[in-house]
Amino acid sequence: MTKKVTVSIPDLLHEKMEKWRRSFNLSKMLQEAIAEAIQRKEDFQKRIQGDLDLCEIIDRLKREKERSEGNFFETGRHDGTAWAKTAHYEDIQYALSWEDLENASRDSILGGYFAERIGKIKRKDMRLEGIDEYIRVYLTGWKKGLDEFWDEVKGKL
């Protein structure tokens, strides 16, 4: 059984929600955000009480890792879409077939861009060194954003 809840939002956000209503399941997004916030609070209270055993700690760390990787993926996806919006046709075609994630910052065409982006990511998150798993997740998200952009525009060219 579900219950209806009234939520207040600013006018600007409401306008944007109306524009994109068909693209998102807003109810599900809100449910997931609330559930995640409550889960974090409950997990925190459990940790304070010291009732967690090793299995629960491992489960918590796995969930936190997935959220962290999700943030890197979404950042990459956003950056990939933003790059594609301003890129030249030939560069987009190259990037669509590009797959060498391990050498992203040394790529002859995309290297300068990726060196700058990866540098910014590392400055924000000092634990990152070299091309580690989070940078790979970011680059995978970047490719996804590029692919989604291309799928949207290729039929109109």
N, C-alpha and C. Protein backbone atom coordinates (compact mmCIF):
# COMPACT_ATOMS: atom_id res chain seq x y z
N MET A 1 0.83 -1.17 0.00
CA MET A 1 0.00 0.00 0.00
C MET A 1 0.88 1.24 0.00
N THR A 2 0.48 2.23 -0.73
CA THR A 2 1.26 3.46 -0.78
C THR A 2 0.46 4.61 -0.18
N LYS A 3 1.19 5.61 0.28
CA LYS A 3 0.59 6.82 0.84
C LYS A 3 1.04 8.01 0.02
N LYS A 4 0.16 9.00 -0.13
CA LYS A 4 0.51 10.23 -0.82
C LYS A 4 1.06 11.21 0.20
N VAL A 5 2.10 11.95 -0.23
CA VAL A 5 2.75 12.94 0.60
C VAL A 5 2.89 14.21 -0.22
N THR A 6 2.68 15.34 0.40
CA THR A 6 2.86 16.62 -0.28
C THR A 6 4.27 17.12 -0.02
N VAL A 7 4.94 17.55 -1.07
CA VAL A 7 6.31 18.05 -0.97
C VAL A 7 6.34 19.45 -1.56
N SER A 8 6.97 20.37 -0.86
CA SER A 8 7.11 21.74 -1.38
C SER A 8 8.45 21.88 -2.08
N ILE A 9 8.42 22.50 -3.25
CA ILE A 9 9.65 22.73 -4.01
C ILE A 9 9.63 24.14 -4.55
N PRO A 10 10.80 24.72 -4.82
CA PRO A 10 10.87 26.06 -5.39
C PRO A 10 10.26 26.10 -6.80
N ASP A 11 9.79 27.26 -7.21
CA ASP A 11 9.16 27.43 -8.52
C ASP A 11 10.06 26.99 -9.66
N LEU A 12 11.34 27.39 -9.62
CA LEU A 12 12.26 27.05 -10.70
C LEU A 12 12.40 25.54 -10.86
N LEU A 13 12.53 24.84 -9.73
CA LEU A 13 12.63 23.38 -9.80
C LEU A 13 11.34 22.78 -10.35
N HIS A 14 10.21 23.32 -9.97
CA HIS A 14 8.92 22.83 -10.48
C HIS A 14 8.83 22.98 -11.99
N GLU A 15 9.28 24.12 -12.50
CA GLU A 15 9.28 24.34 -13.95
C GLU A 15 10.13 23.29 -14.66
N LYS A 16 11.31 23.03 -14.10
CA LYS A 16 12.19 22.03 -14.71
C LYS A 16 11.59 20.63 -14.62
N MET A 17 10.95 20.34 -13.50
CA MET A 17 10.31 19.03 -13.35
C MET A 17 9.21 18.85 -14.39
N GLU A 18 8.42 19.87 -14.60
CA GLU A 18 7.34 19.78 -15.59
C GLU A 18 7.92 19.54 -16.99
N LYS A 19 9.02 20.22 -17.28
CA LYS A 19 9.66 20.06 -18.60
C LYS A 19 10.13 18.63 -18.83
N TRP A 20 10.66 17.99 -17.78
CA TRP A 20 11.27 16.67 -17.92
C TRP A 20 10.42 15.55 -17.33
N ARG A 21 9.19 15.82 -16.97
CA ARG A 21 8.33 14.86 -16.29
C ARG A 21 8.28 13.50 -17.00
N ARG A 22 8.24 13.51 -18.31
CA ARG A 22 8.14 12.24 -19.06
C ARG A 22 9.46 11.47 -19.07
N SER A 23 10.57 12.13 -18.75
CA SER A 23 11.88 11.48 -18.79
C SER A 23 12.24 10.79 -17.48
N PHE A 24 11.54 11.13 -16.42
CA PHE A 24 11.90 10.60 -15.10
C PHE A 24 10.66 10.07 -14.39
N ASN A 25 10.89 9.10 -13.53
CA ASN A 25 9.86 8.66 -12.60
C ASN A 25 10.14 9.42 -11.31
N LEU A 26 9.56 10.60 -11.19
CA LEU A 26 9.86 11.49 -10.06
C LEU A 26 9.49 10.87 -8.73
N SER A 27 8.39 10.15 -8.69
CA SER A 27 7.98 9.49 -7.46
C SER A 27 9.04 8.49 -7.00
N LYS A 28 9.52 7.68 -7.94
CA LYS A 28 10.54 6.68 -7.61
C LYS A 28 11.84 7.35 -7.18
N MET A 29 12.21 8.44 -7.87
CA MET A 29 13.44 9.14 -7.51
C MET A 29 13.36 9.68 -6.08
N LEU A 30 12.23 10.25 -5.72
CA LEU A 30 12.05 10.78 -4.37
C LEU A 30 12.06 9.65 -3.35
N GLN A 31 11.37 8.56 -3.66
CA GLN A 31 11.35 7.41 -2.75
C GLN A 31 12.76 6.89 -2.49
N GLU A 32 13.55 6.76 -3.56
CA GLU A 32 14.92 6.24 -3.42
C GLU A 32 15.78 7.20 -2.60
N ALA A 33 15.64 8.50 -2.84
CA ALA A 33 16.43 9.48 -2.09
C ALA A 33 16.08 9.45 -0.61
N ILE A 34 14.79 9.37 -0.29
CA ILE A 34 14.37 9.32 1.11
C ILE A 34 14.82 8.02 1.76
N ALA A 35 14.64 6.91 1.05
CA ALA A 35 15.06 5.61 1.59
C ALA A 35 16.56 5.59 1.86
N GLU A 36 17.34 6.17 0.95
CA GLU A 36 18.80 6.21 1.14
C GLU A 36 19.17 7.07 2.34
N ALA A 37 18.53 8.23 2.49
CA ALA A 37 18.83 9.11 3.62
C ALA A 37 18.47 8.43 4.94
N ILE A 38 17.33 7.76 4.99
CA ILE A 38 16.92 7.05 6.21
C ILE A 38 17.89 5.91 6.49
N GLN A 39 18.27 5.17 5.45
CA GLN A 39 19.20 4.05 5.62
C GLN A 39 20.53 4.53 6.19
N ARG A 40 21.04 5.68 5.68
CA ARG A 40 22.29 6.22 6.21
C ARG A 40 22.16 6.55 7.69
N LYS A 41 21.03 7.15 8.09
CA LYS A 41 20.80 7.49 9.50
C LYS A 41 20.75 6.23 10.35
N GLU A 42 20.01 5.23 9.87
CA GLU A 42 19.91 3.98 10.62
C GLU A 42 21.26 3.28 10.72
N ASP A 43 22.01 3.27 9.63
CA ASP A 43 23.35 2.67 9.66
C ASP A 43 24.25 3.39 10.64
N PHE A 44 24.17 4.72 10.65
CA PHE A 44 24.99 5.52 11.56
C PHE A 44 24.63 5.19 13.02
N GLN A 45 23.36 5.09 13.31
CA GLN A 45 22.94 4.76 14.68
C GLN A 45 23.44 3.38 15.09
N LYS A 46 23.39 2.43 14.15
CA LYS A 46 23.90 1.09 14.45
C LYS A 46 25.40 1.13 14.76
N ARG A 47 26.13 1.91 13.97
CA ARG A 47 27.58 1.99 14.20
C ARG A 47 27.87 2.60 15.56
N ILE A 48 27.11 3.60 15.93
CA ILE A 48 27.31 4.24 17.23
C ILE A 48 27.05 3.23 18.35
N GLN A 49 26.04 2.42 18.18
CA GLN A 49 25.70 1.45 19.21
C GLN A 49 26.68 0.28 19.24
N GLY A 50 27.51 0.15 18.22
CA GLY A 50 28.53 -0.90 18.19
C GLY A 50 27.97 -2.29 17.97
N ASP A 51 26.77 -2.38 17.38
CA ASP A 51 26.13 -3.68 17.18
C ASP A 51 26.48 -4.33 15.84
N LEU A 52 27.32 -3.69 15.06
CA LEU A 52 27.62 -4.25 13.74
C LEU A 52 28.65 -5.37 13.84
N ASP A 53 28.37 -6.44 13.16
CA ASP A 53 29.39 -7.48 13.06
C ASP A 53 30.11 -7.32 11.72
N LEU A 54 31.09 -8.13 11.47
CA LEU A 54 31.93 -7.99 10.28
C LEU A 54 31.12 -8.07 8.98
N CYS A 55 30.15 -8.95 8.89
CA CYS A 55 29.34 -9.07 7.68
C CYS A 55 28.57 -7.78 7.40
N GLU A 56 28.03 -7.17 8.45
CA GLU A 56 27.30 -5.92 8.27
C GLU A 56 28.23 -4.79 7.84
N ILE A 57 29.43 -4.78 8.39
CA ILE A 57 30.42 -3.76 8.01
C ILE A 57 30.78 -3.91 6.54
N ILE A 58 31.01 -5.13 6.11
CA ILE A 58 31.35 -5.39 4.71
C ILE A 58 30.19 -4.98 3.80
N ASP A 59 28.97 -5.32 4.17
CA ASP A 59 27.80 -4.92 3.38
C ASP A 59 27.70 -3.39 3.28
N ARG A 60 27.92 -2.70 4.38
CA ARG A 60 27.86 -1.24 4.38
C ARG A 60 28.93 -0.66 3.46
N LEU A 61 30.15 -1.18 3.56
CA LEU A 61 31.24 -0.67 2.73
C LEU A 61 30.97 -0.94 1.25
N LYS A 62 30.38 -2.08 0.93
CA LYS A 62 30.02 -2.38 -0.47
C LYS A 62 29.01 -1.36 -0.99
N ARG A 63 27.98 -1.05 -0.19
CA ARG A 63 26.98 -0.07 -0.61
C ARG A 63 27.61 1.31 -0.79
N GLU A 64 28.49 1.69 0.13
CA GLU A 64 29.15 2.99 0.01
C GLU A 64 30.05 3.05 -1.22
N LYS A 65 30.73 1.94 -1.51
CA LYS A 65 31.57 1.89 -2.70
C LYS A 65 30.73 2.04 -3.96
N GLU A 66 29.58 1.34 -4.01
CA GLU A 66 28.70 1.44 -5.17
C GLU A 66 28.20 2.88 -5.36
N ARG A 67 27.85 3.57 -4.25
CA ARG A 67 27.41 4.96 -4.36
C ARG A 67 28.54 5.84 -4.86
N SER A 68 29.75 5.60 -4.33
CA SER A 68 30.89 6.40 -4.76
C SER A 68 31.18 6.19 -6.24
N GLU A 69 31.16 4.93 -6.67
CA GLU A 69 31.38 4.65 -8.09
C GLU A 69 30.27 5.26 -8.93
N GLY A 70 29.05 5.23 -8.42
CA GLY A 70 27.93 5.84 -9.14
C GLY A 70 28.13 7.32 -9.33
N ASN A 71 28.69 7.99 -8.34
CA ASN A 71 28.97 9.42 -8.46
C ASN A 71 30.00 9.67 -9.55
N PHE A 72 31.06 8.86 -9.62
CA PHE A 72 32.07 9.02 -10.65
C PHE A 72 31.47 8.74 -12.02
N PHE A 73 30.62 7.73 -12.12
CA PHE A 73 29.99 7.40 -13.40
C PHE A 73 29.11 8.55 -13.87
N GLU A 74 28.29 9.09 -12.99
CA GLU A 74 27.39 10.18 -13.37
C GLU A 74 28.16 11.45 -13.72
N THR A 75 29.24 11.74 -13.01
CA THR A 75 30.08 12.89 -13.36
C THR A 75 30.66 12.70 -14.76
N GLY A 76 31.17 11.51 -15.04
CA GLY A 76 31.71 11.21 -16.37
C GLY A 76 30.64 11.30 -17.44
N ARG A 77 29.48 10.80 -17.15
CA ARG A 77 28.37 10.84 -18.11
C ARG A 77 28.01 12.29 -18.44
N HIS A 78 27.93 13.11 -17.43
CA HIS A 78 27.63 14.54 -17.63
C HIS A 78 28.73 15.19 -18.47
N ASP A 79 29.98 14.92 -18.13
CA ASP A 79 31.11 15.51 -18.86
C ASP A 79 31.15 15.02 -20.31
N GLY A 80 30.84 13.75 -20.54
CA GLY A 80 30.83 13.21 -21.91
C GLY A 80 29.79 13.89 -22.77
N THR A 81 28.62 14.12 -22.20
CA THR A 81 27.57 14.81 -22.93
C THR A 81 27.97 16.27 -23.20
N ALA A 82 28.51 16.94 -22.19
CA ALA A 82 28.92 18.34 -22.35
C ALA A 82 30.01 18.46 -23.41
N TRP A 83 30.98 17.54 -23.40
CA TRP A 83 32.06 17.56 -24.39
C TRP A 83 31.47 17.40 -25.80
N ALA A 84 30.57 16.44 -25.95
CA ALA A 84 30.01 16.14 -27.28
C ALA A 84 29.25 17.34 -27.84
N LYS A 85 28.63 18.13 -26.99
CA LYS A 85 27.85 19.29 -27.44
C LYS A 85 28.72 20.33 -28.14
N THR A 86 30.01 20.38 -27.80
CA THR A 86 30.88 21.39 -28.38
C THR A 86 31.95 20.81 -29.30
N ALA A 87 32.02 19.49 -29.38
CA ALA A 87 33.07 18.83 -30.16
C ALA A 87 32.77 18.89 -31.66
N HIS A 88 33.84 18.82 -32.45
CA HIS A 88 33.71 18.74 -33.90
C HIS A 88 33.25 17.33 -34.29
N TYR A 89 32.60 17.24 -35.42
CA TYR A 89 32.07 15.98 -35.91
C TYR A 89 33.13 14.89 -35.95
N GLU A 90 34.31 15.22 -36.51
CA GLU A 90 35.38 14.22 -36.62
C GLU A 90 35.84 13.73 -35.25
N ASP A 91 35.92 14.64 -34.28
CA ASP A 91 36.33 14.26 -32.93
C ASP A 91 35.29 13.35 -32.29
N ILE A 92 34.02 13.64 -32.52
CA ILE A 92 32.96 12.78 -31.99
C ILE A 92 33.07 11.39 -32.60
N GLN A 93 33.29 11.32 -33.91
CA GLN A 93 33.41 10.02 -34.56
C GLN A 93 34.59 9.24 -33.99
N TYR A 94 35.70 9.93 -33.76
CA TYR A 94 36.86 9.28 -33.16
C TYR A 94 36.52 8.76 -31.76
N ALA A 95 35.90 9.63 -30.96
CA ALA A 95 35.60 9.28 -29.57
C ALA A 95 34.60 8.13 -29.48
N LEU A 96 33.69 8.03 -30.41
CA LEU A 96 32.72 6.93 -30.40
C LEU A 96 33.39 5.57 -30.52
N SER A 97 34.51 5.52 -31.26
CA SER A 97 35.20 4.24 -31.43
C SER A 97 36.38 4.08 -30.46
N TRP A 98 36.68 5.12 -29.70
CA TRP A 98 37.80 5.09 -28.76
C TRP A 98 37.49 4.18 -27.58
N GLU A 99 38.45 3.34 -27.19
CA GLU A 99 38.23 2.38 -26.09
C GLU A 99 39.40 2.26 -25.12
N ASP A 100 40.49 2.96 -25.35
CA ASP A 100 41.71 2.78 -24.54
C ASP A 100 41.64 3.58 -23.24
N LEU A 101 40.82 3.13 -22.30
CA LEU A 101 40.63 3.86 -21.04
C LEU A 101 41.92 3.97 -20.23
N GLU A 102 42.76 2.96 -20.31
CA GLU A 102 43.99 2.95 -19.51
C GLU A 102 44.95 4.06 -19.91
N ASN A 103 44.86 4.51 -21.15
CA ASN A 103 45.79 5.54 -21.64
C ASN A 103 45.05 6.81 -22.06
N ALA A 104 43.97 7.10 -21.37
CA ALA A 104 43.12 8.23 -21.75
C ALA A 104 43.88 9.54 -21.83
N SER A 105 44.72 9.82 -20.84
CA SER A 105 45.41 11.11 -20.81
C SER A 105 46.57 11.17 -21.80
N ARG A 106 46.92 10.05 -22.43
CA ARG A 106 48.00 10.04 -23.43
C ARG A 106 47.47 9.88 -24.85
N ASP A 107 46.15 9.85 -25.01
CA ASP A 107 45.56 9.69 -26.33
C ASP A 107 45.92 10.89 -27.21
N SER A 108 46.20 10.63 -28.47
CA SER A 108 46.65 11.70 -29.37
C SER A 108 45.58 12.77 -29.61
N ILE A 109 44.33 12.42 -29.54
CA ILE A 109 43.27 13.40 -29.79
C ILE A 109 42.58 13.83 -28.50
N LEU A 110 42.25 12.89 -27.64
CA LEU A 110 41.50 13.20 -26.42
C LEU A 110 42.38 13.40 -25.19
N GLY A 111 43.67 13.14 -25.32
CA GLY A 111 44.57 13.16 -24.17
C GLY A 111 44.60 14.45 -23.39
N GLY A 112 44.68 15.59 -24.07
CA GLY A 112 44.71 16.87 -23.37
C GLY A 112 43.45 17.11 -22.56
N TYR A 113 42.32 16.80 -23.16
CA TYR A 113 41.04 16.96 -22.46
C TYR A 113 41.00 16.07 -21.22
N PHE A 114 41.34 14.78 -21.40
CA PHE A 114 41.25 13.86 -20.27
C PHE A 114 42.29 14.17 -19.19
N ALA A 115 43.47 14.60 -19.57
CA ALA A 115 44.48 14.96 -18.56
C ALA A 115 43.93 16.06 -17.66
N GLU A 116 43.28 17.04 -18.26
CA GLU A 116 42.69 18.14 -17.47
C GLU A 116 41.56 17.63 -16.58
N ARG A 117 40.63 16.84 -17.15
CA ARG A 117 39.48 16.34 -16.38
C ARG A 117 39.95 15.43 -15.24
N ILE A 118 40.88 14.53 -15.52
CA ILE A 118 41.36 13.60 -14.49
C ILE A 118 42.10 14.39 -13.42
N GLY A 119 42.86 15.40 -13.82
CA GLY A 119 43.54 16.25 -12.84
C GLY A 119 42.56 16.93 -11.91
N LYS A 120 41.47 17.44 -12.44
CA LYS A 120 40.45 18.08 -11.60
C LYS A 120 39.81 17.09 -10.65
N ILE A 121 39.53 15.89 -11.13
CA ILE A 121 38.93 14.86 -10.29
C ILE A 121 39.88 14.50 -9.15
N LYS A 122 41.16 14.35 -9.47
CA LYS A 122 42.13 13.98 -8.44
C LYS A 122 42.32 15.08 -7.41
N ARG A 123 42.23 16.34 -7.85
CA ARG A 123 42.34 17.44 -6.88
C ARG A 123 41.16 17.44 -5.93
N LYS A 124 39.99 17.04 -6.42
CA LYS A 124 38.80 16.97 -5.57
C LYS A 124 38.86 15.77 -4.64
N ASP A 125 39.49 14.70 -5.08
CA ASP A 125 39.51 13.46 -4.31
C ASP A 125 40.95 12.97 -4.23
N MET A 126 41.65 13.36 -3.18
CA MET A 126 43.09 13.14 -3.06
C MET A 126 43.49 11.67 -2.98
N ARG A 127 42.55 10.76 -2.76
CA ARG A 127 42.93 9.35 -2.65
C ARG A 127 43.19 8.70 -4.00
N LEU A 128 42.86 9.42 -5.07
CA LEU A 128 43.03 8.85 -6.40
C LEU A 128 44.46 9.03 -6.90
N GLU A 129 45.05 7.96 -7.34
CA GLU A 129 46.39 8.02 -7.92
C GLU A 129 46.39 7.18 -9.19
N GLY A 130 46.94 7.72 -10.26
CA GLY A 130 47.01 6.99 -11.52
C GLY A 130 45.63 6.73 -12.09
N ILE A 131 45.53 5.79 -13.01
CA ILE A 131 44.25 5.40 -13.57
C ILE A 131 43.74 4.24 -12.72
N ASP A 132 43.02 4.56 -11.67
CA ASP A 132 42.51 3.51 -10.81
C ASP A 132 41.06 3.21 -11.16
N GLU A 133 40.41 2.41 -10.35
CA GLU A 133 39.06 1.96 -10.68
C GLU A 133 38.07 3.12 -10.79
N TYR A 134 38.22 4.16 -9.99
CA TYR A 134 37.27 5.28 -10.04
C TYR A 134 37.44 6.09 -11.33
N ILE A 135 38.66 6.23 -11.78
CA ILE A 135 38.89 6.94 -13.04
C ILE A 135 38.31 6.10 -14.18
N ARG A 136 38.47 4.79 -14.13
CA ARG A 136 37.86 3.92 -15.14
C ARG A 136 36.34 4.06 -15.13
N VAL A 137 35.75 4.13 -13.94
CA VAL A 137 34.30 4.31 -13.84
C VAL A 137 33.91 5.66 -14.44
N TYR A 138 34.68 6.71 -14.14
CA TYR A 138 34.42 8.04 -14.71
C TYR A 138 34.47 7.97 -16.24
N LEU A 139 35.51 7.34 -16.79
CA LEU A 139 35.68 7.26 -18.24
C LEU A 139 34.57 6.42 -18.88
N THR A 140 34.13 5.39 -18.20
CA THR A 140 33.01 4.59 -18.70
C THR A 140 31.75 5.44 -18.74
N GLY A 141 31.53 6.25 -17.72
CA GLY A 141 30.41 7.18 -17.71
C GLY A 141 30.53 8.21 -18.81
N TRP A 142 31.75 8.69 -19.06
CA TRP A 142 32.00 9.67 -20.12
C TRP A 142 31.58 9.09 -21.47
N LYS A 143 32.01 7.86 -21.72
CA LYS A 143 31.64 7.19 -22.98
C LYS A 143 30.12 7.03 -23.07
N LYS A 144 29.47 6.70 -21.97
CA LYS A 144 28.02 6.54 -21.97
C LYS A 144 27.33 7.87 -22.31
N GLY A 145 27.79 8.97 -21.72
CA GLY A 145 27.22 10.28 -22.03
C GLY A 145 27.40 10.63 -23.49
N LEU A 146 28.58 10.35 -24.04
CA LEU A 146 28.85 10.58 -25.46
C LEU A 146 27.92 9.73 -26.31
N ASP A 147 27.81 8.44 -25.99
CA ASP A 147 26.95 7.53 -26.76
C ASP A 147 25.49 7.98 -26.73
N GLU A 148 25.02 8.40 -25.56
CA GLU A 148 23.63 8.85 -25.45
C GLU A 148 23.41 10.12 -26.28
N PHE A 149 24.37 11.03 -26.24
CA PHE A 149 24.27 12.24 -27.06
C PHE A 149 24.19 11.87 -28.53
N TRP A 150 25.09 10.99 -28.97
CA TRP A 150 25.14 10.61 -30.38
C TRP A 150 23.84 9.92 -30.81
N ASP A 151 23.32 9.03 -29.95
CA ASP A 151 22.06 8.35 -30.28
C ASP A 151 20.93 9.37 -30.50
N GLU A 152 20.98 10.45 -29.75
CA GLU A 152 19.95 11.49 -29.86
C GLU A 152 20.06 12.30 -31.14
N VAL A 153 21.30 12.56 -31.61
CA VAL A 153 21.46 13.48 -32.76
C VAL A 153 21.73 12.80 -34.09
N LYS A 154 22.23 11.59 -34.11
CA LYS A 154 22.69 11.00 -35.37
C LYS A 154 21.59 10.88 -36.42
N GLY A 155 20.38 10.60 -36.02
CA GLY A 155 19.29 10.47 -36.98
C GLY A 155 18.85 11.81 -37.56
N LYS A 156 19.30 12.90 -36.99
CA LYS A 156 18.89 14.23 -37.43
C LYS A 156 19.93 14.88 -38.32
N LEU A 157 21.05 14.21 -38.54
CA LEU A 157 22.12 14.78 -39.35
C LEU A 157 21.93 14.45 -40.82
